[in-house]
Amino acid sequence: MAQIKALPLHCPSCGGSLVVRRLRCQTCETEVEGSYTFPAIVTLSKEDQEFVLEFIKASGSLKEMAKIIGVSYPTVRNRLDEIIDNLKKRETKAKD
């Protein structure tokens, strides 16, 4: 089974942000071209994305998340606050 590569978000030459130019359906091979930005959540680190996924699967319960990852409730709250702040910064940056 082929390993899925991580989605590149930055240019390997200059470090600038990448955009999606073309999408292709694997079933019928229809292609759509344009200039599409990534959703803010995709730009988070892999660890933060995994945290958000687990948080959703825990129905948004900080108490349940604390149990799942084995840390205190305040630690989970702080981690979530950091992710929220990070997303807000990225959204603000994307609007500029």
PDB file of N, CA and C in Angstrom:
ATOM      1  N   MET A   1       0.843  -1.192   0.000  1.00  0.00           N
ATOM      2  CA  MET A   1       0.000   0.000   0.000  1.00  0.00           C
ATOM      3  C   MET A   1       0.885   1.251   0.000  1.00  0.00           C
ATOM      4  N   ALA A   2       0.639   2.169  -0.914  1.00  0.00           N
ATOM      5  CA  ALA A   2       1.439   3.383  -1.022  1.00  0.00           C
ATOM      6  C   ALA A   2       1.162   4.320   0.143  1.00  0.00           C
ATOM      7  N   GLN A   3       2.220   4.912   0.669  1.00  0.00           N
ATOM      8  CA  GLN A   3       2.075   5.854   1.764  1.00  0.00           C
ATOM      9  C   GLN A   3       1.585   7.185   1.212  1.00  0.00           C
ATOM     10  N   ILE A   4       0.599   7.766   1.876  1.00  0.00           N
ATOM     11  CA  ILE A   4       0.068   9.059   1.449  1.00  0.00           C
ATOM     12  C   ILE A   4       1.004  10.152   1.953  1.00  0.00           C
ATOM     13  N   LYS A   5       1.411  11.022   1.055  1.00  0.00           N
ATOM     14  CA  LYS A   5       2.306  12.113   1.417  1.00  0.00           C
ATOM     15  C   LYS A   5       1.525  13.239   2.076  1.00  0.00           C
ATOM     16  N   ALA A   6       2.225  13.973   2.935  1.00  0.00           N
ATOM     17  CA  ALA A   6       1.616  15.142   3.562  1.00  0.00           C
ATOM     18  C   ALA A   6       1.403  16.220   2.508  1.00  0.00           C
ATOM     19  N   LEU A   7       0.331  16.945   2.630  1.00  0.00           N
ATOM     20  CA  LEU A   7       0.000  18.014   1.701  1.00  0.00           C
ATOM     21  C   LEU A   7       0.959  19.181   1.902  1.00  0.00           C
ATOM     22  N   PRO A   8       1.713  19.574   0.876  1.00  0.00           N
ATOM     23  CA  PRO A   8       2.613  20.718   1.042  1.00  0.00           C
ATOM     24  C   PRO A   8       1.804  22.006   1.100  1.00  0.00           C
ATOM     25  N   LEU A   9       2.155  22.877   2.028  1.00  0.00           N
ATOM     26  CA  LEU A   9       1.442  24.141   2.188  1.00  0.00           C
ATOM     27  C   LEU A   9       2.305  25.339   1.808  1.00  0.00           C
ATOM     28  N   HIS A  10       3.641  25.113   1.732  1.00  0.00           N
ATOM     29  CA  HIS A  10       4.571  26.208   1.443  1.00  0.00           C
ATOM     30  C   HIS A  10       5.493  25.826   0.292  1.00  0.00           C
ATOM     31  N   CYS A  11       5.861  26.824  -0.475  1.00  0.00           N
ATOM     32  CA  CYS A  11       6.765  26.641  -1.613  1.00  0.00           C
ATOM     33  C   CYS A  11       8.133  26.172  -1.117  1.00  0.00           C
ATOM     34  N   PRO A  12       8.669  25.099  -1.723  1.00  0.00           N
ATOM     35  CA  PRO A  12       9.990  24.629  -1.309  1.00  0.00           C
ATOM     36  C   PRO A  12      11.117  25.586  -1.706  1.00  0.00           C
ATOM     37  N   SER A  13      10.856  26.496  -2.632  1.00  0.00           N
ATOM     38  CA  SER A  13      11.891  27.440  -3.070  1.00  0.00           C
ATOM     39  C   SER A  13      11.932  28.704  -2.223  1.00  0.00           C
ATOM     40  N   CYS A  14      10.780  29.353  -2.069  1.00  0.00           N
ATOM     41  CA  CYS A  14      10.766  30.652  -1.379  1.00  0.00           C
ATOM     42  C   CYS A  14      10.024  30.652  -0.051  1.00  0.00           C
ATOM     43  N   GLY A  15       9.272  29.578   0.236  1.00  0.00           N
ATOM     44  CA  GLY A  15       8.527  29.522   1.496  1.00  0.00           C
ATOM     45  C   GLY A  15       7.160  30.176   1.441  1.00  0.00           C
ATOM     46  N   GLY A  16       6.790  30.702   0.270  1.00  0.00           N
ATOM     47  CA  GLY A  16       5.480  31.335   0.127  1.00  0.00           C
ATOM     48  C   GLY A  16       4.346  30.327   0.247  1.00  0.00           C
ATOM     49  N   SER A  17       3.143  30.810   0.485  1.00  0.00           N
ATOM     50  CA  SER A  17       1.970  29.943   0.610  1.00  0.00           C
ATOM     51  C   SER A  17       1.575  29.375  -0.747  1.00  0.00           C
ATOM     52  N   LEU A  18       1.239  28.108  -0.773  1.00  0.00           N
ATOM     53  CA  LEU A  18       0.771  27.464  -2.000  1.00  0.00           C
ATOM     54  C   LEU A  18      -0.745  27.568  -2.087  1.00  0.00           C
ATOM     55  N   VAL A  19      -1.268  27.554  -3.306  1.00  0.00           N
ATOM     56  CA  VAL A  19      -2.704  27.497  -3.556  1.00  0.00           C
ATOM     57  C   VAL A  19      -2.964  26.302  -4.463  1.00  0.00           C
ATOM     58  N   VAL A  20      -4.181  25.817  -4.431  1.00  0.00           N
ATOM     59  CA  VAL A  20      -4.576  24.705  -5.299  1.00  0.00           C
ATOM     60  C   VAL A  20      -4.972  25.289  -6.647  1.00  0.00           C
ATOM     61  N   ARG A  21      -4.420  24.735  -7.725  1.00  0.00           N
ATOM     62  CA  ARG A  21      -4.734  25.219  -9.073  1.00  0.00           C
ATOM     63  C   ARG A  21      -5.660  24.275  -9.830  1.00  0.00           C
ATOM     64  N   ARG A  22      -5.582  22.982  -9.521  1.00  0.00           N
ATOM     65  CA  ARG A  22      -6.366  22.026 -10.289  1.00  0.00           C
ATOM     66  C   ARG A  22      -6.845  20.901  -9.375  1.00  0.00           C
ATOM     67  N   LEU A  23      -8.107  20.512  -9.555  1.00  0.00           N
ATOM     68  CA  LEU A  23      -8.690  19.376  -8.856  1.00  0.00           C
ATOM     69  C   LEU A  23      -9.187  18.399  -9.907  1.00  0.00           C
ATOM     70  N   ARG A  24      -9.021  17.094  -9.643  1.00  0.00           N
ATOM     71  CA  ARG A  24      -9.444  16.083 -10.611  1.00  0.00           C
ATOM     72  C   ARG A  24     -10.215  14.982  -9.913  1.00  0.00           C
ATOM     73  N   CYS A  25     -11.355  14.610 -10.484  1.00  0.00           N
ATOM     74  CA  CYS A  25     -12.164  13.504  -9.977  1.00  0.00           C
ATOM     75  C   CYS A  25     -11.483  12.190 -10.361  1.00  0.00           C
ATOM     76  N   GLN A  26     -11.252  11.312  -9.409  1.00  0.00           N
ATOM     77  CA  GLN A  26     -10.613  10.034  -9.703  1.00  0.00           C
ATOM     78  C   GLN A  26     -11.554   9.062 -10.397  1.00  0.00           C
ATOM     79  N   THR A  27     -12.853   9.314 -10.321  1.00  0.00           N
ATOM     80  CA  THR A  27     -13.825   8.421 -10.945  1.00  0.00           C
ATOM     81  C   THR A  27     -14.016   8.740 -12.423  1.00  0.00           C
ATOM     82  N   CYS A  28     -14.392   9.979 -12.723  1.00  0.00           N
ATOM     83  CA  CYS A  28     -14.700  10.335 -14.120  1.00  0.00           C
ATOM     84  C   CYS A  28     -13.638  11.214 -14.772  1.00  0.00           C
ATOM     85  N   GLU A  29     -12.637  11.603 -14.033  1.00  0.00           N
ATOM     86  CA  GLU A  29     -11.524  12.419 -14.502  1.00  0.00           C
ATOM     87  C   GLU A  29     -11.903  13.840 -14.901  1.00  0.00           C
ATOM     88  N   THR A  30     -13.056  14.324 -14.428  1.00  0.00           N
ATOM     89  CA  THR A  30     -13.404  15.725 -14.625  1.00  0.00           C
ATOM     90  C   THR A  30     -12.373  16.566 -13.885  1.00  0.00           C
ATOM     91  N   GLU A  31     -11.939  17.667 -14.502  1.00  0.00           N
ATOM     92  CA  GLU A  31     -10.970  18.552 -13.867  1.00  0.00           C
ATOM     93  C   GLU A  31     -11.557  19.940 -13.700  1.00  0.00           C
ATOM     94  N   VAL A  32     -11.216  20.555 -12.580  1.00  0.00           N
ATOM     95  CA  VAL A  32     -11.639  21.916 -12.273  1.00  0.00           C
ATOM     96  C   VAL A  32     -10.373  22.718 -12.029  1.00  0.00           C
ATOM     97  N   GLU A  33     -10.247  23.854 -12.714  1.00  0.00           N
ATOM     98  CA  GLU A  33      -9.074  24.693 -12.538  1.00  0.00           C
ATOM     99  C   GLU A  33      -9.478  26.036 -11.959  1.00  0.00           C
ATOM    100  N   GLY A  34      -8.586  26.613 -11.195  1.00  0.00           N
ATOM    101  CA  GLY A  34      -8.824  27.914 -10.588  1.00  0.00           C
ATOM    102  C   GLY A  34      -7.716  28.201  -9.603  1.00  0.00           C
ATOM    103  N   SER A  35      -7.975  29.066  -8.666  1.00  0.00           N
ATOM    104  CA  SER A  35      -7.015  29.393  -7.624  1.00  0.00           C
ATOM    105  C   SER A  35      -7.756  29.304  -6.295  1.00  0.00           C
ATOM    106  N   TYR A  36      -7.513  28.230  -5.580  1.00  0.00           N
ATOM    107  CA  TYR A  36      -8.250  27.949  -4.353  1.00  0.00           C
ATOM    108  C   TYR A  36      -7.293  27.918  -3.164  1.00  0.00           C
ATOM    109  N   THR A  37      -7.676  28.580  -2.093  1.00  0.00           N
ATOM    110  CA  THR A  37      -6.861  28.550  -0.876  1.00  0.00           C
ATOM    111  C   THR A  37      -7.274  27.357  -0.024  1.00  0.00           C
ATOM    112  N   PHE A  38      -6.397  26.961   0.880  1.00  0.00           N
ATOM    113  CA  PHE A  38      -6.692  25.869   1.795  1.00  0.00           C
ATOM    114  C   PHE A  38      -7.539  26.388   2.949  1.00  0.00           C
ATOM    115  N   PRO A  39      -8.456  25.570   3.469  1.00  0.00           N
ATOM    116  CA  PRO A  39      -9.169  25.966   4.687  1.00  0.00           C
ATOM    117  C   PRO A  39      -8.164  26.148   5.818  1.00  0.00           C
ATOM    118  N   ALA A  40      -8.436  27.059   6.735  1.00  0.00           N
ATOM    119  CA  ALA A  40      -7.502  27.370   7.826  1.00  0.00           C
ATOM    120  C   ALA A  40      -7.113  26.119   8.614  1.00  0.00           C
ATOM    121  N   ILE A  41      -8.044  25.211   8.826  1.00  0.00           N
ATOM    122  CA  ILE A  41      -7.752  24.026   9.631  1.00  0.00           C
ATOM    123  C   ILE A  41      -6.676  23.150   8.990  1.00  0.00           C
ATOM    124  N   VAL A  42      -6.602  23.165   7.661  1.00  0.00           N
ATOM    125  CA  VAL A  42      -5.602  22.367   6.955  1.00  0.00           C
ATOM    126  C   VAL A  42      -4.194  22.915   7.199  1.00  0.00           C
ATOM    127  N   THR A  43      -4.098  24.201   7.503  1.00  0.00           N
ATOM    128  CA  THR A  43      -2.794  24.816   7.710  1.00  0.00           C
ATOM    129  C   THR A  43      -2.240  24.584   9.115  1.00  0.00           C
ATOM    130  N   LEU A  44      -3.045  23.987  10.000  1.00  0.00           N
ATOM    131  CA  LEU A  44      -2.560  23.654  11.340  1.00  0.00           C
ATOM    132  C   LEU A  44      -1.552  22.519  11.265  1.00  0.00           C
ATOM    133  N   SER A  45      -0.745  22.384  12.301  1.00  0.00           N
ATOM    134  CA  SER A  45       0.192  21.265  12.355  1.00  0.00           C
ATOM    135  C   SER A  45      -0.586  19.956  12.407  1.00  0.00           C
ATOM    136  N   LYS A  46       0.077  18.867  12.035  1.00  0.00           N
ATOM    137  CA  LYS A  46      -0.568  17.558  12.056  1.00  0.00           C
ATOM    138  C   LYS A  46      -1.089  17.236  13.460  1.00  0.00           C
ATOM    139  N   GLU A  47      -0.308  17.579  14.477  1.00  0.00           N
ATOM    140  CA  GLU A  47      -0.707  17.314  15.866  1.00  0.00           C
ATOM    141  C   GLU A  47      -1.969  18.093  16.235  1.00  0.00           C
ATOM    142  N   ASP A  48      -2.030  19.366  15.808  1.00  0.00           N
ATOM    143  CA  ASP A  48      -3.219  20.169  16.105  1.00  0.00           C
ATOM    144  C   ASP A  48      -4.437  19.651  15.339  1.00  0.00           C
ATOM    145  N   GLN A  49      -4.233  19.213  14.097  1.00  0.00           N
ATOM    146  CA  GLN A  49      -5.344  18.636  13.332  1.00  0.00           C
ATOM    147  C   GLN A  49      -5.874  17.379  14.022  1.00  0.00           C
ATOM    148  N   GLU A  50      -4.971  16.540  14.505  1.00  0.00           N
ATOM    149  CA  GLU A  50      -5.379  15.317  15.204  1.00  0.00           C
ATOM    150  C   GLU A  50      -6.130  15.652  16.482  1.00  0.00           C
ATOM    151  N   PHE A  51      -5.675  16.681  17.204  1.00  0.00           N
ATOM    152  CA  PHE A  51      -6.361  17.120  18.413  1.00  0.00           C
ATOM    153  C   PHE A  51      -7.787  17.549  18.084  1.00  0.00           C
ATOM    154  N   VAL A  52      -7.941  18.355  17.038  1.00  0.00           N
ATOM    155  CA  VAL A  52      -9.270  18.841  16.638  1.00  0.00           C
ATOM    156  C   VAL A  52     -10.177  17.669  16.254  1.00  0.00           C
ATOM    157  N   LEU A  53      -9.635  16.691  15.517  1.00  0.00           N
ATOM    158  CA  LEU A  53     -10.427  15.507  15.148  1.00  0.00           C
ATOM    159  C   LEU A  53     -10.900  14.744  16.380  1.00  0.00           C
ATOM    160  N   GLU A  54      -9.985  14.514  17.320  1.00  0.00           N
ATOM    161  CA  GLU A  54     -10.355  13.804  18.551  1.00  0.00           C
ATOM    162  C   GLU A  54     -11.379  14.605  19.346  1.00  0.00           C
ATOM    163  N   PHE A  55     -11.216  15.919  19.377  1.00  0.00           N
ATOM    164  CA  PHE A  55     -12.151  16.787  20.091  1.00  0.00           C
ATOM    165  C   PHE A  55     -13.553  16.675  19.500  1.00  0.00           C
ATOM    166  N   ILE A  56     -13.641  16.645  18.192  1.00  0.00           N
ATOM    167  CA  ILE A  56     -14.944  16.490  17.534  1.00  0.00           C
ATOM    168  C   ILE A  56     -15.538  15.123  17.858  1.00  0.00           C
ATOM    169  N   LYS A  57     -14.697  14.064  17.781  1.00  0.00           N
ATOM    170  CA  LYS A  57     -15.189  12.716  18.084  1.00  0.00           C
ATOM    171  C   LYS A  57     -15.614  12.586  19.548  1.00  0.00           C
ATOM    172  N   ALA A  58     -15.056  13.443  20.414  1.00  0.00           N
ATOM    173  CA  ALA A  58     -15.445  13.456  21.826  1.00  0.00           C
ATOM    174  C   ALA A  58     -16.630  14.389  22.056  1.00  0.00           C
ATOM    175  N   SER A  59     -17.316  14.747  20.993  1.00  0.00           N
ATOM    176  CA  SER A  59     -18.495  15.634  21.038  1.00  0.00           C
ATOM    177  C   SER A  59     -18.195  16.987  21.672  1.00  0.00           C
ATOM    178  N   GLY A  60     -16.960  17.447  21.520  1.00  0.00           N
ATOM    179  CA  GLY A  60     -16.601  18.759  22.056  1.00  0.00           C
ATOM    180  C   GLY A  60     -16.462  18.794  23.562  1.00  0.00           C
ATOM    181  N   SER A  61     -16.307  17.649  24.179  1.00  0.00           N
ATOM    182  CA  SER A  61     -16.183  17.579  25.638  1.00  0.00           C
ATOM    183  C   SER A  61     -14.722  17.687  26.060  1.00  0.00           C
ATOM    184  N   LEU A  62     -14.401  18.783  26.744  1.00  0.00           N
ATOM    185  CA  LEU A  62     -13.038  18.949  27.250  1.00  0.00           C
ATOM    186  C   LEU A  62     -12.718  17.889  28.293  1.00  0.00           C
ATOM    187  N   LYS A  63     -13.703  17.539  29.086  1.00  0.00           N
ATOM    188  CA  LYS A  63     -13.511  16.508  30.115  1.00  0.00           C
ATOM    189  C   LYS A  63     -13.164  15.164  29.467  1.00  0.00           C
ATOM    190  N   GLU A  64     -13.861  14.814  28.400  1.00  0.00           N
ATOM    191  CA  GLU A  64     -13.600  13.563  27.681  1.00  0.00           C
ATOM    192  C   GLU A  64     -12.221  13.614  27.016  1.00  0.00           C
ATOM    193  N   MET A  65     -11.872  14.757  26.453  1.00  0.00           N
ATOM    194  CA  MET A  65     -10.553  14.908  25.828  1.00  0.00           C
ATOM    195  C   MET A  65      -9.443  14.714  26.855  1.00  0.00           C
ATOM    196  N   ALA A  66      -9.632  15.250  28.046  1.00  0.00           N
ATOM    197  CA  ALA A  66      -8.630  15.084  29.093  1.00  0.00           C
ATOM    198  C   ALA A  66      -8.405  13.605  29.386  1.00  0.00           C
ATOM    199  N   LYS A  67      -9.507  12.826  29.397  1.00  0.00           N
ATOM    200  CA  LYS A  67      -9.390  11.374  29.618  1.00  0.00           C
ATOM    201  C   LYS A  67      -8.668  10.707  28.452  1.00  0.00           C
ATOM    202  N   ILE A  68      -9.041  11.066  27.244  1.00  0.00           N
ATOM    203  CA  ILE A  68      -8.488  10.430  26.043  1.00  0.00           C
ATOM    204  C   ILE A  68      -6.976  10.632  25.947  1.00  0.00           C
ATOM    205  N   ILE A  69      -6.519  11.857  26.178  1.00  0.00           N
ATOM    206  CA  ILE A  69      -5.095  12.120  25.999  1.00  0.00           C
ATOM    207  C   ILE A  69      -4.305  12.091  27.308  1.00  0.00           C
ATOM    208  N   GLY A  70      -5.000  11.848  28.414  1.00  0.00           N
ATOM    209  CA  GLY A  70      -4.322  11.641  29.691  1.00  0.00           C
ATOM    210  C   GLY A  70      -3.680  12.870  30.301  1.00  0.00           C
ATOM    211  N   VAL A  71      -4.360  14.004  30.165  1.00  0.00           N
ATOM    212  CA  VAL A  71      -3.872  15.238  30.789  1.00  0.00           C
ATOM    213  C   VAL A  71      -5.022  15.885  31.554  1.00  0.00           C
ATOM    214  N   SER A  72      -4.715  16.956  32.266  1.00  0.00           N
ATOM    215  CA  SER A  72      -5.751  17.626  33.059  1.00  0.00           C
ATOM    216  C   SER A  72      -6.683  18.455  32.170  1.00  0.00           C
ATOM    217  N   TYR A  73      -7.859  18.729  32.716  1.00  0.00           N
ATOM    218  CA  TYR A  73      -8.838  19.570  32.027  1.00  0.00           C
ATOM    219  C   TYR A  73      -8.247  20.928  31.644  1.00  0.00           C
ATOM    220  N   PRO A  74      -7.564  21.635  32.597  1.00  0.00           N
ATOM    221  CA  PRO A  74      -6.984  22.938  32.226  1.00  0.00           C
ATOM    222  C   PRO A  74      -5.954  22.838  31.101  1.00  0.00           C
ATOM    223  N   THR A  75      -5.205  21.734  31.036  1.00  0.00           N
ATOM    224  CA  THR A  75      -4.230  21.551  29.970  1.00  0.00           C
ATOM    225  C   THR A  75      -4.936  21.439  28.621  1.00  0.00           C
ATOM    226  N   VAL A  76      -6.042  20.698  28.584  1.00  0.00           N
ATOM    227  CA  VAL A  76      -6.825  20.567  27.349  1.00  0.00           C
ATOM    228  C   VAL A  76      -7.403  21.921  26.961  1.00  0.00           C
ATOM    229  N   ARG A  77      -7.928  22.656  27.935  1.00  0.00           N
ATOM    230  CA  ARG A  77      -8.502  23.979  27.676  1.00  0.00           C
ATOM    231  C   ARG A  77      -7.449  24.908  27.078  1.00  0.00           C
ATOM    232  N   ASN A  78      -6.250  24.895  27.665  1.00  0.00           N
ATOM    233  CA  ASN A  78      -5.167  25.748  27.162  1.00  0.00           C
ATOM    234  C   ASN A  78      -4.760  25.361  25.747  1.00  0.00           C
ATOM    235  N   ARG A  79      -4.688  24.062  25.484  1.00  0.00           N
ATOM    236  CA  ARG A  79      -4.316  23.585  24.140  1.00  0.00           C
ATOM    237  C   ARG A  79      -5.361  24.030  23.121  1.00  0.00           C
ATOM    238  N   LEU A  80      -6.634  23.885  23.468  1.00  0.00           N
ATOM    239  CA  LEU A  80      -7.700  24.306  22.568  1.00  0.00           C
ATOM    240  C   LEU A  80      -7.652  25.817  22.340  1.00  0.00           C
ATOM    241  N   ASP A  81      -7.408  26.586  23.398  1.00  0.00           N
ATOM    242  CA  ASP A  81      -7.304  28.044  23.257  1.00  0.00           C
ATOM    243  C   ASP A  81      -6.156  28.425  22.321  1.00  0.00           C
ATOM    244  N   GLU A  82      -5.027  27.704  22.418  1.00  0.00           N
ATOM    245  CA  GLU A  82      -3.894  27.974  21.529  1.00  0.00           C
ATOM    246  C   GLU A  82      -4.263  27.695  20.073  1.00  0.00           C
ATOM    247  N   ILE A  83      -4.972  26.601  19.847  1.00  0.00           N
ATOM    248  CA  ILE A  83      -5.385  26.249  18.482  1.00  0.00           C
ATOM    249  C   ILE A  83      -6.361  27.296  17.940  1.00  0.00           C
ATOM    250  N   ILE A  84      -7.293  27.723  18.774  1.00  0.00           N
ATOM    251  CA  ILE A  84      -8.259  28.751  18.367  1.00  0.00           C
ATOM    252  C   ILE A  84      -7.531  30.045  18.004  1.00  0.00           C
ATOM    253  N   ASP A  85      -6.588  30.467  18.852  1.00  0.00           N
ATOM    254  CA  ASP A  85      -5.817  31.686  18.569  1.00  0.00           C
ATOM    255  C   ASP A  85      -5.045  31.552  17.261  1.00  0.00           C
ATOM    256  N   ASN A  86      -4.446  30.382  17.060  1.00  0.00           N
ATOM    257  CA  ASN A  86      -3.688  30.122  15.844  1.00  0.00           C
ATOM    258  C   ASN A  86      -4.593  30.220  14.613  1.00  0.00           C
ATOM    259  N   LEU A  87      -5.779  29.625  14.692  1.00  0.00           N
ATOM    260  CA  LEU A  87      -6.722  29.698  13.572  1.00  0.00           C
ATOM    261  C   LEU A  87      -7.151  31.135  13.296  1.00  0.00           C
ATOM    262  N   LYS A  88      -7.411  31.890  14.346  1.00  0.00           N
ATOM    263  CA  LYS A  88      -7.814  33.290  14.169  1.00  0.00           C
ATOM    264  C   LYS A  88      -6.719  34.096  13.490  1.00  0.00           C
ATOM    265  N   LYS A  89      -5.471  33.867  13.880  1.00  0.00           N
ATOM    266  CA  LYS A  89      -4.343  34.567  13.258  1.00  0.00           C
ATOM    267  C   LYS A  89      -4.240  34.208  11.785  1.00  0.00           C
ATOM    268  N   ARG A  90      -4.407  32.923  11.476  1.00  0.00           N
ATOM    269  CA  ARG A  90      -4.298  32.482  10.085  1.00  0.00           C
ATOM    270  C   ARG A  90      -5.425  33.059   9.237  1.00  0.00           C
ATOM    271  N   GLU A  91      -6.636  33.122   9.808  1.00  0.00           N
ATOM    272  CA  GLU A  91      -7.763  33.684   9.058  1.00  0.00           C
ATOM    273  C   GLU A  91      -7.553  35.170   8.813  1.00  0.00           C
ATOM    274  N   THR A  92      -7.051  35.876   9.816  1.00  0.00           N
ATOM    275  CA  THR A  92      -6.774  37.300   9.671  1.00  0.00           C
ATOM    276  C   THR A  92      -5.700  37.525   8.627  1.00  0.00           C
ATOM    277  N   LYS A  93      -4.645  36.716   8.671  1.00  0.00           N
ATOM    278  CA  LYS A  93      -3.549  36.815   7.696  1.00  0.00           C
ATOM    279  C   LYS A  93      -4.054  36.533   6.283  1.00  0.00           C
ATOM    280  N   ALA A  94      -4.961  35.570   6.144  1.00  0.00           N
ATOM    281  CA  ALA A  94      -5.494  35.213   4.824  1.00  0.00           C
ATOM    282  C   ALA A  94      -6.334  36.342   4.238  1.00  0.00           C
ATOM    283  N   LYS A  95      -6.968  37.140   5.095  1.00  0.00           N
ATOM    284  CA  LYS A  95      -7.812  38.246   4.622  1.00  0.00           C
ATOM    285  C   LYS A  95      -6.984  39.429   4.166  1.00  0.00           C
ATOM    286  N   ASP A  96      -5.760  39.548   4.709  1.00  0.00           N
ATOM    287  CA  ASP A  96      -4.895  40.702   4.364  1.00  0.00           C
ATOM    288  C   ASP A  96      -4.353  40.614   2.969  1.00  0.00           C
TER     289      ASP A  96
END
